[in-house]
Amino acid sequence: MWIVWAALVGLVIGFIARLLTPGKHPSGVIVTMVVGIAGSVIATIGGRAAGFYHSGERAGFIASIVGAIVLLLVLQALSGNRGRRW
């Protein structure tokens, strides 16, 4: 059941991150979900490295959105297609 919950939360986080990030983004429900989940992982790892979270703690909702935005910006920079859809 936790997998379904993580997928739904990842979908919401990915959707909000796509709304807040300028430019074209990869589309699709699965891609949005993966971006949201990966953003949460990025925020957790970054928060632990910065000392915000301890072992066993996860990033919050806002931090997960920030992590997903960072991931989308990195993907845009790596693709080189800022004006075109993937």
C-alpha atoms as a PDB file:
ATOM      1  CA  MET A   1       0.000   0.000   0.000  1.00  0.00           C
ATOM      2  CA  TRP A   2       2.914   2.369   0.664  1.00  0.00           C
ATOM      3  CA  ILE A   3       3.950   2.067  -2.993  1.00  0.00           C
ATOM      4  CA  VAL A   4       0.573   3.402  -4.133  1.00  0.00           C
ATOM      5  CA  TRP A   5       0.809   6.239  -1.617  1.00  0.00           C
ATOM      6  CA  ALA A   6       4.358   7.123  -2.738  1.00  0.00           C
ATOM      7  CA  ALA A   7       3.235   7.082  -6.384  1.00  0.00           C
ATOM      8  CA  LEU A   8       0.285   9.397  -5.702  1.00  0.00           C
ATOM      9  CA  VAL A   9       2.362  11.840  -3.658  1.00  0.00           C
ATOM     10  CA  GLY A  10       5.081  11.733  -6.343  1.00  0.00           C
ATOM     11  CA  LEU A  11       2.485  12.528  -8.994  1.00  0.00           C
ATOM     12  CA  VAL A  12       1.247  15.565  -7.055  1.00  0.00           C
ATOM     13  CA  ILE A  13       4.788  16.792  -6.355  1.00  0.00           C
ATOM     14  CA  GLY A  14       5.823  16.320  -9.986  1.00  0.00           C
ATOM     15  CA  PHE A  15       2.719  18.123 -11.237  1.00  0.00           C
ATOM     16  CA  ILE A  16       3.285  21.115  -8.945  1.00  0.00           C
ATOM     17  CA  ALA A  17       6.977  21.244  -9.924  1.00  0.00           C
ATOM     18  CA  ARG A  18       6.041  21.241 -13.616  1.00  0.00           C
ATOM     19  CA  LEU A  19       3.630  24.119 -13.028  1.00  0.00           C
ATOM     20  CA  LEU A  20       6.275  26.179 -11.218  1.00  0.00           C
ATOM     21  CA  THR A  21       9.174  25.529 -13.617  1.00  0.00           C
ATOM     22  CA  PRO A  22       9.316  27.583 -16.832  1.00  0.00           C
ATOM     23  CA  GLY A  23       9.879  25.923 -20.183  1.00  0.00           C
ATOM     24  CA  LYS A  24       8.798  22.725 -21.838  1.00  0.00           C
ATOM     25  CA  HIS A  25       8.840  19.485 -19.871  1.00  0.00           C
ATOM     26  CA  PRO A  26       8.501  15.815 -20.679  1.00  0.00           C
ATOM     27  CA  SER A  27       4.843  14.899 -20.565  1.00  0.00           C
ATOM     28  CA  GLY A  28       2.967  11.921 -19.271  1.00  0.00           C
ATOM     29  CA  VAL A  29       1.701  10.670 -15.953  1.00  0.00           C
ATOM     30  CA  ILE A  30       4.529   8.199 -15.397  1.00  0.00           C
ATOM     31  CA  VAL A  31       7.255  10.762 -16.156  1.00  0.00           C
ATOM     32  CA  THR A  32       5.613  13.296 -13.850  1.00  0.00           C
ATOM     33  CA  MET A  33       5.380  10.688 -11.096  1.00  0.00           C
ATOM     34  CA  VAL A  34       9.029   9.695 -11.474  1.00  0.00           C
ATOM     35  CA  VAL A  35      10.124  13.361 -11.395  1.00  0.00           C
ATOM     36  CA  GLY A  36       8.161  13.868  -8.166  1.00  0.00           C
ATOM     37  CA  ILE A  37       9.571  10.778  -6.481  1.00  0.00           C
ATOM     38  CA  ALA A  38      13.118  11.573  -7.635  1.00  0.00           C
ATOM     39  CA  GLY A  39      12.692  15.162  -6.418  1.00  0.00           C
ATOM     40  CA  SER A  40      11.781  13.867  -2.995  1.00  0.00           C
ATOM     41  CA  VAL A  41      14.860  11.662  -2.952  1.00  0.00           C
ATOM     42  CA  ILE A  42      17.050  14.594  -4.053  1.00  0.00           C
ATOM     43  CA  ALA A  43      15.580  16.788  -1.304  1.00  0.00           C
ATOM     44  CA  THR A  44      16.128  14.088   1.320  1.00  0.00           C
ATOM     45  CA  ILE A  45      19.754  13.489   0.328  1.00  0.00           C
ATOM     46  CA  GLY A  46      20.471  17.216   0.048  1.00  0.00           C
ATOM     47  CA  GLY A  47      18.785  17.927   3.390  1.00  0.00           C
ATOM     48  CA  ARG A  48      20.813  15.236   5.127  1.00  0.00           C
ATOM     49  CA  ALA A  49      24.034  16.578   3.597  1.00  0.00           C
ATOM     50  CA  ALA A  50      23.151  20.091   4.773  1.00  0.00           C
ATOM     51  CA  GLY A  51      22.233  18.836   8.241  1.00  0.00           C
ATOM     52  CA  PHE A  52      18.505  19.590   8.016  1.00  0.00           C
ATOM     53  CA  TYR A  53      17.439  15.943   8.346  1.00  0.00           C
ATOM     54  CA  HIS A  54      18.814  13.105  10.408  1.00  0.00           C
ATOM     55  CA  SER A  55      18.974   9.444   9.485  1.00  0.00           C
ATOM     56  CA  GLY A  56      15.485   8.052   9.039  1.00  0.00           C
ATOM     57  CA  GLU A  57      13.868  11.438   8.365  1.00  0.00           C
ATOM     58  CA  ARG A  58      12.468  12.288   4.963  1.00  0.00           C
ATOM     59  CA  ALA A  59      12.092  15.619   3.239  1.00  0.00           C
ATOM     60  CA  GLY A  60       8.867  17.542   3.623  1.00  0.00           C
ATOM     61  CA  PHE A  61       6.380  18.401   0.929  1.00  0.00           C
ATOM     62  CA  ILE A  62       7.843  21.827   0.042  1.00  0.00           C
ATOM     63  CA  ALA A  63      11.413  20.495   0.013  1.00  0.00           C
ATOM     64  CA  SER A  64      10.301  17.675  -2.293  1.00  0.00           C
ATOM     65  CA  ILE A  65       8.808  20.190  -4.713  1.00  0.00           C
ATOM     66  CA  VAL A  66      12.072  22.169  -4.664  1.00  0.00           C
ATOM     67  CA  GLY A  67      13.994  18.948  -5.358  1.00  0.00           C
ATOM     68  CA  ALA A  68      11.725  18.160  -8.308  1.00  0.00           C
ATOM     69  CA  ILE A  69      12.185  21.687  -9.678  1.00  0.00           C
ATOM     70  CA  VAL A  70      15.955  21.290  -9.427  1.00  0.00           C
ATOM     71  CA  LEU A  71      15.689  17.974 -11.285  1.00  0.00           C
ATOM     72  CA  LEU A  72      13.582  19.538 -14.052  1.00  0.00           C
ATOM     73  CA  LEU A  73      16.045  22.416 -14.458  1.00  0.00           C
ATOM     74  CA  VAL A  74      18.981  19.996 -14.669  1.00  0.00           C
ATOM     75  CA  LEU A  75      17.136  17.905 -17.264  1.00  0.00           C
ATOM     76  CA  GLN A  76      16.422  21.044 -19.308  1.00  0.00           C
ATOM     77  CA  ALA A  77      20.074  22.108 -19.144  1.00  0.00           C
ATOM     78  CA  LEU A  78      21.313  18.664 -20.170  1.00  0.00           C
ATOM     79  CA  SER A  79      18.882  18.306 -23.043  1.00  0.00           C
ATOM     80  CA  GLY A  80      19.820  21.582 -24.712  1.00  0.00           C
ATOM     81  CA  ASN A  81      16.292  21.782 -26.163  1.00  0.00           C
ATOM     82  CA  ARG A  82      14.913  24.565 -24.024  1.00  0.00           C
ATOM     83  CA  GLY A  83      12.361  25.687 -26.575  1.00  0.00           C
ATOM     84  CA  ARG A  84      11.239  22.310 -27.882  1.00  0.00           C
ATOM     85  CA  ARG A  85       9.281  19.465 -26.379  1.00  0.00           C
ATOM     86  CA  TRP A  86      11.237  16.240 -25.704  1.00  0.00           C
END
